[in-house]
Amino acid sequence: MADTQQVDARAERKVARLAREIGAFSKAHGGAEGQVAHIGERGARIVLVGADGGWGDLVAPTYEIAEKAVEKAGITVHESFDGEFAAKVTTGPYEWKRMAGIQIGG
């Protein structure tokens, strides 16, 4: 029983930390929306897109923790990263250079 309580407490602390990070991102970018995606054994990725087009991501140890974190942060969550949501992302010279490097094997 004590082990379960320890795991639950650890998970809740992780949820709270992720929610604070999401909130800080949202505040820095004039608001935020997100999408949660499974990334295999590593857990789940929370992709964040700010109202200003800035973007970032966080990794949660489980999909459940990621879902709880975005809920606690109070942001809009999308089912997938496409359409109007994806179009909100602003890319700059760095991203274009990285994409070009990937295409030409760099």
PDB file of N, CA and C in Angstrom:
ATOM      1  N   MET A   1       0.822  -1.198   0.000  1.00  0.00           N
ATOM      2  CA  MET A   1       0.000   0.000   0.000  1.00  0.00           C
ATOM      3  C   MET A   1       0.865   1.260   0.000  1.00  0.00           C
ATOM      4  N   ALA A   2       1.931   1.255   0.797  1.00  0.00           N
ATOM      5  CA  ALA A   2       2.808   2.417   0.864  1.00  0.00           C
ATOM      6  C   ALA A   2       3.479   2.671  -0.485  1.00  0.00           C
ATOM      7  N   ASP A   3       3.825   1.588  -1.191  1.00  0.00           N
ATOM      8  CA  ASP A   3       4.448   1.745  -2.504  1.00  0.00           C
ATOM      9  C   ASP A   3       3.502   2.425  -3.484  1.00  0.00           C
ATOM     10  N   THR A   4       2.233   2.049  -3.457  1.00  0.00           N
ATOM     11  CA  THR A   4       1.237   2.654  -4.332  1.00  0.00           C
ATOM     12  C   THR A   4       1.082   4.133  -4.017  1.00  0.00           C
ATOM     13  N   GLN A   5       1.077   4.470  -2.742  1.00  0.00           N
ATOM     14  CA  GLN A   5       0.956   5.870  -2.348  1.00  0.00           C
ATOM     15  C   GLN A   5       2.175   6.670  -2.803  1.00  0.00           C
ATOM     16  N   GLN A   6       3.369   6.046  -2.724  1.00  0.00           N
ATOM     17  CA  GLN A   6       4.587   6.714  -3.188  1.00  0.00           C
ATOM     18  C   GLN A   6       4.524   6.981  -4.685  1.00  0.00           C
ATOM     19  N   VAL A   7       4.086   5.985  -5.459  1.00  0.00           N
ATOM     20  CA  VAL A   7       3.969   6.127  -6.906  1.00  0.00           C
ATOM     21  C   VAL A   7       2.952   7.208  -7.242  1.00  0.00           C
ATOM     22  N   ASP A   8       1.788   7.189  -6.558  1.00  0.00           N
ATOM     23  CA  ASP A   8       0.749   8.194  -6.791  1.00  0.00           C
ATOM     24  C   ASP A   8       1.263   9.591  -6.472  1.00  0.00           C
ATOM     25  N   ALA A   9       1.970   9.738  -5.357  1.00  0.00           N
ATOM     26  CA  ALA A   9       2.503  11.046  -4.966  1.00  0.00           C
ATOM     27  C   ALA A   9       3.541  11.516  -5.983  1.00  0.00           C
ATOM     28  N   ARG A  10       4.385  10.619  -6.456  1.00  0.00           N
ATOM     29  CA  ARG A  10       5.400  10.970  -7.449  1.00  0.00           C
ATOM     30  C   ARG A  10       4.728  11.408  -8.753  1.00  0.00           C
ATOM     31  N   ALA A  11       3.697  10.679  -9.158  1.00  0.00           N
ATOM     32  CA  ALA A  11       2.973  11.017 -10.387  1.00  0.00           C
ATOM     33  C   ALA A  11       2.303  12.386 -10.258  1.00  0.00           C
ATOM     34  N   GLU A  12       1.702  12.652  -9.116  1.00  0.00           N
ATOM     35  CA  GLU A  12       1.044  13.947  -8.906  1.00  0.00           C
ATOM     36  C   GLU A  12       2.045  15.094  -8.918  1.00  0.00           C
ATOM     37  N   ARG A  13       3.241  14.871  -8.368  1.00  0.00           N
ATOM     38  CA  ARG A  13       4.279  15.902  -8.412  1.00  0.00           C
ATOM     39  C   ARG A  13       4.714  16.152  -9.850  1.00  0.00           C
ATOM     40  N   LYS A  14       4.813  15.098 -10.640  1.00  0.00           N
ATOM     41  CA  LYS A  14       5.196  15.228 -12.049  1.00  0.00           C
ATOM     42  C   LYS A  14       4.117  15.985 -12.814  1.00  0.00           C
ATOM     43  N   VAL A  15       2.846  15.666 -12.562  1.00  0.00           N
ATOM     44  CA  VAL A  15       1.730  16.374 -13.191  1.00  0.00           C
ATOM     45  C   VAL A  15       1.810  17.860 -12.853  1.00  0.00           C
ATOM     46  N   ALA A  16       2.016  18.165 -11.578  1.00  0.00           N
ATOM     47  CA  ALA A  16       2.075  19.561 -11.133  1.00  0.00           C
ATOM     48  C   ALA A  16       3.243  20.299 -11.792  1.00  0.00           C
ATOM     49  N   ARG A  17       4.412  19.644 -11.891  1.00  0.00           N
ATOM     50  CA  ARG A  17       5.582  20.280 -12.500  1.00  0.00           C
ATOM     51  C   ARG A  17       5.344  20.552 -13.979  1.00  0.00           C
ATOM     52  N   LEU A  18       4.812  19.558 -14.693  1.00  0.00           N
ATOM     53  CA  LEU A  18       4.508  19.745 -16.116  1.00  0.00           C
ATOM     54  C   LEU A  18       3.468  20.850 -16.319  1.00  0.00           C
ATOM     55  N   ALA A  19       2.444  20.875 -15.476  1.00  0.00           N
ATOM     56  CA  ALA A  19       1.400  21.903 -15.585  1.00  0.00           C
ATOM     57  C   ALA A  19       2.002  23.294 -15.366  1.00  0.00           C
ATOM     58  N   ARG A  20       2.952  23.424 -14.423  1.00  0.00           N
ATOM     59  CA  ARG A  20       3.619  24.713 -14.204  1.00  0.00           C
ATOM     60  C   ARG A  20       4.426  25.115 -15.447  1.00  0.00           C
ATOM     61  N   GLU A  21       5.131  24.147 -16.041  1.00  0.00           N
ATOM     62  CA  GLU A  21       5.925  24.437 -17.241  1.00  0.00           C
ATOM     63  C   GLU A  21       5.021  24.836 -18.411  1.00  0.00           C
ATOM     64  N   ILE A  22       3.892  24.158 -18.549  1.00  0.00           N
ATOM     65  CA  ILE A  22       2.925  24.502 -19.598  1.00  0.00           C
ATOM     66  C   ILE A  22       2.393  25.911 -19.355  1.00  0.00           C
ATOM     67  N   GLY A  23       2.061  26.205 -18.100  1.00  0.00           N
ATOM     68  CA  GLY A  23       1.565  27.531 -17.739  1.00  0.00           C
ATOM     69  C   GLY A  23       2.586  28.625 -18.024  1.00  0.00           C
ATOM     70  N   ALA A  24       3.856  28.352 -17.728  1.00  0.00           N
ATOM     71  CA  ALA A  24       4.916  29.327 -17.997  1.00  0.00           C
ATOM     72  C   ALA A  24       5.067  29.560 -19.499  1.00  0.00           C
ATOM     73  N   PHE A  25       4.997  28.482 -20.283  1.00  0.00           N
ATOM     74  CA  PHE A  25       5.071  28.605 -21.740  1.00  0.00           C
ATOM     75  C   PHE A  25       3.899  29.450 -22.234  1.00  0.00           C
ATOM     76  N   SER A  26       2.707  29.142 -21.746  1.00  0.00           N
ATOM     77  CA  SER A  26       1.507  29.862 -22.155  1.00  0.00           C
ATOM     78  C   SER A  26       1.629  31.346 -21.832  1.00  0.00           C
ATOM     79  N   LYS A  27       2.107  31.667 -20.653  1.00  0.00           N
ATOM     80  CA  LYS A  27       2.261  33.059 -20.233  1.00  0.00           C
ATOM     81  C   LYS A  27       3.282  33.779 -21.114  1.00  0.00           C
ATOM     82  N   ALA A  28       4.374  33.109 -21.438  1.00  0.00           N
ATOM     83  CA  ALA A  28       5.430  33.707 -22.256  1.00  0.00           C
ATOM     84  C   ALA A  28       5.021  33.913 -23.710  1.00  0.00           C
ATOM     85  N   HIS A  29       4.028  33.149 -24.170  1.00  0.00           N
ATOM     86  CA  HIS A  29       3.647  33.191 -25.583  1.00  0.00           C
ATOM     87  C   HIS A  29       2.224  33.700 -25.818  1.00  0.00           C
ATOM     88  N   GLY A  30       1.646  34.359 -24.838  1.00  0.00           N
ATOM     89  CA  GLY A  30       0.324  34.958 -25.005  1.00  0.00           C
ATOM     90  C   GLY A  30      -0.810  33.959 -25.087  1.00  0.00           C
ATOM     91  N   GLY A  31      -0.622  32.785 -24.490  1.00  0.00           N
ATOM     92  CA  GLY A  31      -1.597  31.702 -24.535  1.00  0.00           C
ATOM     93  C   GLY A  31      -0.983  30.508 -25.235  1.00  0.00           C
ATOM     94  N   ALA A  32      -1.612  29.357 -25.078  1.00  0.00           N
ATOM     95  CA  ALA A  32      -1.073  28.156 -25.706  1.00  0.00           C
ATOM     96  C   ALA A  32      -2.160  27.127 -25.940  1.00  0.00           C
ATOM     97  N   GLU A  33      -1.899  26.278 -26.927  1.00  0.00           N
ATOM     98  CA  GLU A  33      -2.715  25.110 -27.213  1.00  0.00           C
ATOM     99  C   GLU A  33      -1.754  23.939 -27.280  1.00  0.00           C
ATOM    100  N   GLY A  34      -2.280  22.729 -27.173  1.00  0.00           N
ATOM    101  CA  GLY A  34      -1.382  21.590 -27.190  1.00  0.00           C
ATOM    102  C   GLY A  34      -1.970  20.352 -27.817  1.00  0.00           C
ATOM    103  N   GLN A  35      -1.107  19.342 -27.927  1.00  0.00           N
ATOM    104  CA  GLN A  35      -1.493  18.033 -28.428  1.00  0.00           C
ATOM    105  C   GLN A  35      -0.626  17.012 -27.716  1.00  0.00           C
ATOM    106  N   VAL A  36      -1.227  15.912 -27.296  1.00  0.00           N
ATOM    107  CA  VAL A  36      -0.507  14.856 -26.593  1.00  0.00           C
ATOM    108  C   VAL A  36      -0.401  13.651 -27.515  1.00  0.00           C
ATOM    109  N   ALA A  37       0.816  13.105 -27.623  1.00  0.00           N
ATOM    110  CA  ALA A  37       1.040  11.956 -28.509  1.00  0.00           C
ATOM    111  C   ALA A  37       1.865  10.899 -27.795  1.00  0.00           C
ATOM    112  N   HIS A  38       1.515   9.636 -28.005  1.00  0.00           N
ATOM    113  CA  HIS A  38       2.308   8.523 -27.472  1.00  0.00           C
ATOM    114  C   HIS A  38       3.679   8.532 -28.145  1.00  0.00           C
ATOM    115  N   ILE A  39       4.721   8.236 -27.373  1.00  0.00           N
ATOM    116  CA  ILE A  39       6.052   8.083 -27.973  1.00  0.00           C
ATOM    117  C   ILE A  39       6.680   6.764 -27.521  1.00  0.00           C
ATOM    118  N   GLY A  40       5.852   5.740 -27.470  1.00  0.00           N
ATOM    119  CA  GLY A  40       6.346   4.411 -27.125  1.00  0.00           C
ATOM    120  C   GLY A  40       6.645   4.270 -25.649  1.00  0.00           C
ATOM    121  N   GLU A  41       7.690   3.530 -25.351  1.00  0.00           N
ATOM    122  CA  GLU A  41       8.038   3.247 -23.957  1.00  0.00           C
ATOM    123  C   GLU A  41       8.455   4.489 -23.191  1.00  0.00           C
ATOM    124  N   ARG A  42       8.869   5.535 -23.896  1.00  0.00           N
ATOM    125  CA  ARG A  42       9.293   6.776 -23.237  1.00  0.00           C
ATOM    126  C   ARG A  42       8.136   7.523 -22.618  1.00  0.00           C
ATOM    127  N   GLY A  43       6.920   7.276 -23.037  1.00  0.00           N
ATOM    128  CA  GLY A  43       5.772   7.957 -22.461  1.00  0.00           C
ATOM    129  C   GLY A  43       4.969   8.722 -23.484  1.00  0.00           C
ATOM    130  N   ALA A  44       4.856  10.040 -23.260  1.00  0.00           N
ATOM    131  CA  ALA A  44       4.040  10.875 -24.138  1.00  0.00           C
ATOM    132  C   ALA A  44       4.703  12.232 -24.331  1.00  0.00           C
ATOM    133  N   ARG A  45       4.499  12.782 -25.507  1.00  0.00           N
ATOM    134  CA  ARG A  45       5.040  14.093 -25.849  1.00  0.00           C
ATOM    135  C   ARG A  45       3.896  15.087 -25.843  1.00  0.00           C
ATOM    136  N   ILE A  46       4.110  16.199 -25.174  1.00  0.00           N
ATOM    137  CA  ILE A  46       3.147  17.297 -25.159  1.00  0.00           C
ATOM    138  C   ILE A  46       3.721  18.383 -26.067  1.00  0.00           C
ATOM    139  N   VAL A  47       3.086  18.585 -27.218  1.00  0.00           N
ATOM    140  CA  VAL A  47       3.519  19.634 -28.143  1.00  0.00           C
ATOM    141  C   VAL A  47       2.706  20.882 -27.809  1.00  0.00           C
ATOM    142  N   LEU A  48       3.399  21.993 -27.625  1.00  0.00           N
ATOM    143  CA  LEU A  48       2.757  23.257 -27.279  1.00  0.00           C
ATOM    144  C   LEU A  48       2.956  24.269 -28.400  1.00  0.00           C
ATOM    145  N   VAL A  49       1.897  24.998 -28.731  1.00  0.00           N
ATOM    146  CA  VAL A  49       1.978  26.065 -29.713  1.00  0.00           C
ATOM    147  C   VAL A  49       1.402  27.316 -29.067  1.00  0.00           C
ATOM    148  N   GLY A  50       2.226  28.366 -29.011  1.00  0.00           N
ATOM    149  CA  GLY A  50       1.802  29.612 -28.402  1.00  0.00           C
ATOM    150  C   GLY A  50       0.968  30.451 -29.352  1.00  0.00           C
ATOM    151  N   ALA A  51       0.238  31.400 -28.784  1.00  0.00           N
ATOM    152  CA  ALA A  51      -0.580  32.304 -29.592  1.00  0.00           C
ATOM    153  C   ALA A  51       0.286  33.128 -30.541  1.00  0.00           C
ATOM    154  N   ASP A  52       1.573  33.305 -30.196  1.00  0.00           N
ATOM    155  CA  ASP A  52       2.485  34.060 -31.039  1.00  0.00           C
ATOM    156  C   ASP A  52       3.179  33.193 -32.092  1.00  0.00           C
ATOM    157  N   GLY A  53       2.826  31.912 -32.165  1.00  0.00           N
ATOM    158  CA  GLY A  53       3.424  31.007 -33.141  1.00  0.00           C
ATOM    159  C   GLY A  53       4.633  30.252 -32.623  1.00  0.00           C
ATOM    160  N   GLY A  54       5.126  30.630 -31.450  1.00  0.00           N
ATOM    161  CA  GLY A  54       6.241  29.905 -30.851  1.00  0.00           C
ATOM    162  C   GLY A  54       5.798  28.510 -30.462  1.00  0.00           C
ATOM    163  N   TRP A  55       6.738  27.582 -30.439  1.00  0.00           N
ATOM    164  CA  TRP A  55       6.358  26.212 -30.110  1.00  0.00           C
ATOM    165  C   TRP A  55       7.433  25.544 -29.273  1.00  0.00           C
ATOM    166  N   GLY A  56       7.042  24.481 -28.628  1.00  0.00           N
ATOM    167  CA  GLY A  56       7.958  23.707 -27.807  1.00  0.00           C
ATOM    168  C   GLY A  56       7.305  22.390 -27.455  1.00  0.00           C
ATOM    169  N   ASP A  57       8.028  21.561 -26.734  1.00  0.00           N
ATOM    170  CA  ASP A  57       7.436  20.305 -26.306  1.00  0.00           C
ATOM    171  C   ASP A  57       8.008  19.872 -24.971  1.00  0.00           C
ATOM    172  N   LEU A  58       7.263  19.010 -24.330  1.00  0.00           N
ATOM    173  CA  LEU A  58       7.645  18.417 -23.055  1.00  0.00           C
ATOM    174  C   LEU A  58       7.401  16.918 -23.164  1.00  0.00           C
ATOM    175  N   VAL A  59       8.135  16.141 -22.386  1.00  0.00           N
ATOM    176  CA  VAL A  59       7.925  14.697 -22.370  1.00  0.00           C
ATOM    177  C   VAL A  59       7.450  14.288 -20.985  1.00  0.00           C
ATOM    178  N   ALA A  60       6.376  13.516 -20.949  1.00  0.00           N
ATOM    179  CA  ALA A  60       5.834  12.969 -19.714  1.00  0.00           C
ATOM    180  C   ALA A  60       6.115  11.469 -19.683  1.00  0.00           C
ATOM    181  N   PRO A  61       6.297  10.896 -18.503  1.00  0.00           N
ATOM    182  CA  PRO A  61       6.608   9.468 -18.429  1.00  0.00           C
ATOM    183  C   PRO A  61       5.469   8.550 -18.876  1.00  0.00           C
ATOM    184  N   THR A  62       4.231   9.046 -18.807  1.00  0.00           N
ATOM    185  CA  THR A  62       3.082   8.262 -19.261  1.00  0.00           C
ATOM    186  C   THR A  62       2.083   9.178 -19.961  1.00  0.00           C
ATOM    187  N   TYR A  63       1.244   8.580 -20.790  1.00  0.00           N
ATOM    188  CA  TYR A  63       0.193   9.332 -21.472  1.00  0.00           C
ATOM    189  C   TYR A  63      -0.785   9.913 -20.452  1.00  0.00           C
ATOM    190  N   GLU A  64      -1.093   9.128 -19.431  1.00  0.00           N
ATOM    191  CA  GLU A  64      -2.032   9.579 -18.393  1.00  0.00           C
ATOM    192  C   GLU A  64      -1.510  10.829 -17.676  1.00  0.00           C
ATOM    193  N   ILE A  65      -0.237  10.843 -17.349  1.00  0.00           N
ATOM    194  CA  ILE A  65       0.346  12.014 -16.684  1.00  0.00           C
ATOM    195  C   ILE A  65       0.298  13.217 -17.620  1.00  0.00           C
ATOM    196  N   ALA A  66       0.584  13.025 -18.891  1.00  0.00           N
ATOM    197  CA  ALA A  66       0.528  14.119 -19.864  1.00  0.00           C
ATOM    198  C   ALA A  66      -0.884  14.692 -19.953  1.00  0.00           C
ATOM    199  N   GLU A  67      -1.881  13.816 -20.024  1.00  0.00           N
ATOM    200  CA  GLU A  67      -3.276  14.272 -20.101  1.00  0.00           C
ATOM    201  C   GLU A  67      -3.667  15.070 -18.863  1.00  0.00           C
ATOM    202  N   LYS A  68      -3.279  14.573 -17.694  1.00  0.00           N
ATOM    203  CA  LYS A  68      -3.596  15.278 -16.450  1.00  0.00           C
ATOM    204  C   LYS A  68      -2.910  16.636 -16.402  1.00  0.00           C
ATOM    205  N   ALA A  69      -1.674  16.711 -16.906  1.00  0.00           N
ATOM    206  CA  ALA A  69      -0.923  17.970 -16.876  1.00  0.00           C
ATOM    207  C   ALA A  69      -1.567  19.029 -17.764  1.00  0.00           C
ATOM    208  N   VAL A  70      -1.966  18.664 -18.991  1.00  0.00           N
ATOM    209  CA  VAL A  70      -2.586  19.658 -19.870  1.00  0.00           C
ATOM    210  C   VAL A  70      -3.948  20.075 -19.321  1.00  0.00           C
ATOM    211  N   GLU A  71      -4.648  19.134 -18.705  1.00  0.00           N
ATOM    212  CA  GLU A  71      -5.938  19.471 -18.089  1.00  0.00           C
ATOM    213  C   GLU A  71      -5.733  20.446 -16.938  1.00  0.00           C
ATOM    214  N   LYS A  72      -4.758  20.158 -16.098  1.00  0.00           N
ATOM    215  CA  LYS A  72      -4.475  21.025 -14.942  1.00  0.00           C
ATOM    216  C   LYS A  72      -4.026  22.414 -15.402  1.00  0.00           C
ATOM    217  N   ALA A  73      -3.280  22.470 -16.505  1.00  0.00           N
ATOM    218  CA  ALA A  73      -2.806  23.747 -17.029  1.00  0.00           C
ATOM    219  C   ALA A  73      -3.935  24.548 -17.672  1.00  0.00           C
ATOM    220  N   GLY A  74      -5.001  23.861 -18.073  1.00  0.00           N
ATOM    221  CA  GLY A  74      -6.171  24.545 -18.626  1.00  0.00           C
ATOM    222  C   GLY A  74      -6.027  25.014 -20.063  1.00  0.00           C
ATOM    223  N   ILE A  75      -5.172  24.352 -20.841  1.00  0.00           N
ATOM    224  CA  ILE A  75      -5.025  24.750 -22.245  1.00  0.00           C
ATOM    225  C   ILE A  75      -5.961  23.930 -23.128  1.00  0.00           C
ATOM    226  N   THR A  76      -6.213  24.436 -24.322  1.00  0.00           N
ATOM    227  CA  THR A  76      -6.983  23.695 -25.320  1.00  0.00           C
ATOM    228  C   THR A  76      -6.109  22.575 -25.854  1.00  0.00           C
ATOM    229  N   VAL A  77      -6.662  21.375 -25.930  1.00  0.00           N
ATOM    230  CA  VAL A  77      -5.904  20.217 -26.421  1.00  0.00           C
ATOM    231  C   VAL A  77      -6.545  19.706 -27.700  1.00  0.00           C
ATOM    232  N   HIS A  78      -5.712  19.493 -28.703  1.00  0.00           N
ATOM    233  CA  HIS A  78      -6.173  18.996 -30.005  1.00  0.00           C
ATOM    234  C   HIS A  78      -5.902  17.499 -30.113  1.00  0.00           C
ATOM    235  N   GLU A  79      -6.748  16.819 -30.876  1.00  0.00           N
ATOM    236  CA  GLU A  79      -6.599  15.377 -31.084  1.00  0.00           C
ATOM    237  C   GLU A  79      -5.365  15.048 -31.913  1.00  0.00           C
ATOM    238  N   SER A  80      -5.050  15.915 -32.895  1.00  0.00           N
ATOM    239  CA  SER A  80      -3.904  15.657 -33.758  1.00  0.00           C
ATOM    240  C   SER A  80      -3.199  16.977 -34.074  1.00  0.00           C
ATOM    241  N   PHE A  81      -1.993  16.847 -34.578  1.00  0.00           N
ATOM    242  CA  PHE A  81      -1.190  18.020 -34.915  1.00  0.00           C
ATOM    243  C   PHE A  81      -1.263  18.247 -36.419  1.00  0.00           C
ATOM    244  N   ASP A  82      -2.381  18.826 -36.861  1.00  0.00           N
ATOM    245  CA  ASP A  82      -2.560  19.092 -38.286  1.00  0.00           C
ATOM    246  C   ASP A  82      -3.536  20.238 -38.473  1.00  0.00           C
ATOM    247  N   GLY A  83      -3.801  20.567 -39.714  1.00  0.00           N
ATOM    248  CA  GLY A  83      -4.790  21.580 -40.044  1.00  0.00           C
ATOM    249  C   GLY A  83      -4.490  22.943 -39.455  1.00  0.00           C
ATOM    250  N   GLU A  84      -5.529  23.602 -38.967  1.00  0.00           N
ATOM    251  CA  GLU A  84      -5.412  24.950 -38.425  1.00  0.00           C
ATOM    252  C   GLU A  84      -4.440  25.013 -37.245  1.00  0.00           C
ATOM    253  N   PHE A  85      -4.426  23.969 -36.442  1.00  0.00           N
ATOM    254  CA  PHE A  85      -3.530  23.951 -35.281  1.00  0.00           C
ATOM    255  C   PHE A  85      -2.069  23.972 -35.731  1.00  0.00           C
ATOM    256  N   ALA A  86      -1.700  23.116 -36.636  1.00  0.00           N
ATOM    257  CA  ALA A  86      -0.318  23.069 -37.127  1.00  0.00           C
ATOM    258  C   ALA A  86       0.052  24.357 -37.853  1.00  0.00           C
ATOM    259  N   ALA A  87      -0.903  24.975 -38.521  1.00  0.00           N
ATOM    260  CA  ALA A  87      -0.644  26.205 -39.266  1.00  0.00           C
ATOM    261  C   ALA A  87      -0.297  27.372 -38.352  1.00  0.00           C
ATOM    262  N   LYS A  88      -0.576  27.257 -37.070  1.00  0.00           N
ATOM    263  CA  LYS A  88      -0.271  28.332 -36.120  1.00  0.00           C
ATOM    264  C   LYS A  88       1.211  28.415 -35.769  1.00  0.00           C
ATOM    265  N   VAL A  89       1.962  27.369 -36.091  1.00  0.00           N
ATOM    266  CA  VAL A  89       3.389  27.328 -35.770  1.00  0.00           C
ATOM    267  C   VAL A  89       4.157  28.274 -36.688  1.00  0.00           C
ATOM    268  N   THR A  90       4.997  29.107 -36.090  1.00  0.00           N
ATOM    269  CA  THR A  90       5.862  29.989 -36.845  1.00  0.00           C
ATOM    270  C   THR A  90       7.245  29.362 -36.910  1.00  0.00           C
ATOM    271  N   THR A  91       7.753  29.216 -38.121  1.00  0.00           N
ATOM    272  CA  THR A  91       9.100  28.680 -38.278  1.00  0.00           C
ATOM    273  C   THR A  91      10.023  29.794 -38.743  1.00  0.00           C
ATOM    274  N   GLY A  92      11.235  29.733 -38.261  1.00  0.00           N
ATOM    275  CA  GLY A  92      12.219  30.742 -38.615  1.00  0.00           C
ATOM    276  C   GLY A  92      13.378  30.130 -39.377  1.00  0.00           C
ATOM    277  N   PRO A  93      14.437  30.907 -39.572  1.00  0.00           N
ATOM    278  CA  PRO A  93      15.601  30.435 -40.321  1.00  0.00           C
ATOM    279  C   PRO A  93      16.218  29.156 -39.731  1.00  0.00           C
ATOM    280  N   TYR A  94      16.250  29.057 -38.406  1.00  0.00           N
ATOM    281  CA  TYR A  94      16.834  27.876 -37.778  1.00  0.00           C
ATOM    282  C   TYR A  94      16.094  26.607 -38.200  1.00  0.00           C
ATOM    283  N   GLU A  95      14.772  26.631 -38.108  1.00  0.00           N
ATOM    284  CA  GLU A  95      13.981  25.456 -38.450  1.00  0.00           C
ATOM    285  C   GLU A  95      14.131  25.101 -39.924  1.00  0.00           C
ATOM    286  N   TRP A  96      14.122  26.112 -40.806  1.00  0.00           N
ATOM    287  CA  TRP A  96      14.260  25.842 -42.236  1.00  0.00           C
ATOM    288  C   TRP A  96      15.629  25.255 -42.546  1.00  0.00           C
ATOM    289  N   LYS A  97      16.660  25.753 -41.874  1.00  0.00           N
ATOM    290  CA  LYS A  97      18.002  25.215 -42.086  1.00  0.00           C
ATOM    291  C   LYS A  97      18.073  23.763 -41.625  1.00  0.00           C
ATOM    292  N   ARG A  98      17.490  23.481 -40.459  1.00  0.00           N
ATOM    293  CA  ARG A  98      17.476  22.107 -39.949  1.00  0.00           C
ATOM    294  C   ARG A  98      16.724  21.182 -40.903  1.00  0.00           C
ATOM    295  N   MET A  99      15.568  21.624 -41.391  1.00  0.00           N
ATOM    296  CA  MET A  99      14.787  20.797 -42.308  1.00  0.00           C
ATOM    297  C   MET A  99      15.571  20.553 -43.593  1.00  0.00           C
ATOM    298  N   ALA A 100      16.248  21.568 -44.097  1.00  0.00           N
ATOM    299  CA  ALA A 100      17.032  21.403 -45.313  1.00  0.00           C
ATOM    300  C   ALA A 100      18.192  20.445 -45.064  1.00  0.00           C
ATOM    301  N   GLY A 101      18.809  20.542 -43.910  1.00  0.00           N
ATOM    302  CA  GLY A 101      19.920  19.645 -43.565  1.00  0.00           C
ATOM    303  C   GLY A 101      19.479  18.201 -43.495  1.00  0.00           C
ATOM    304  N   ILE A 102      18.296  17.967 -42.995  1.00  0.00           N
ATOM    305  CA  ILE A 102      17.760  16.613 -42.901  1.00  0.00           C
ATOM    306  C   ILE A 102      17.509  16.064 -44.307  1.00  0.00           C
ATOM    307  N   GLN A 103      16.996  16.898 -45.180  1.00  0.00           N
ATOM    308  CA  GLN A 103      16.682  16.469 -46.546  1.00  0.00           C
ATOM    309  C   GLN A 103      17.934  16.133 -47.356  1.00  0.00           C
ATOM    310  N   ILE A 104      19.019  16.839 -47.079  1.00  0.00           N
ATOM    311  CA  ILE A 104      20.223  16.595 -47.870  1.00  0.00           C
ATOM    312  C   ILE A 104      21.258  15.771 -47.094  1.00  0.00           C
ATOM    313  N   GLY A 105      20.794  15.154 -46.019  1.00  0.00           N
ATOM    314  CA  GLY A 105      21.647  14.230 -45.283  1.00  0.00           C
ATOM    315  C   GLY A 105      22.561  14.862 -44.257  1.00  0.00           C
ATOM    316  N   GLY A 106      22.294  16.126 -43.909  1.00  0.00           N
ATOM    317  CA  GLY A 106      23.161  16.832 -42.956  1.00  0.00           C
ATOM    318  C   GLY A 106      22.638  16.725 -41.619  1.00  0.00           C
TER     319      GLY A 106
END
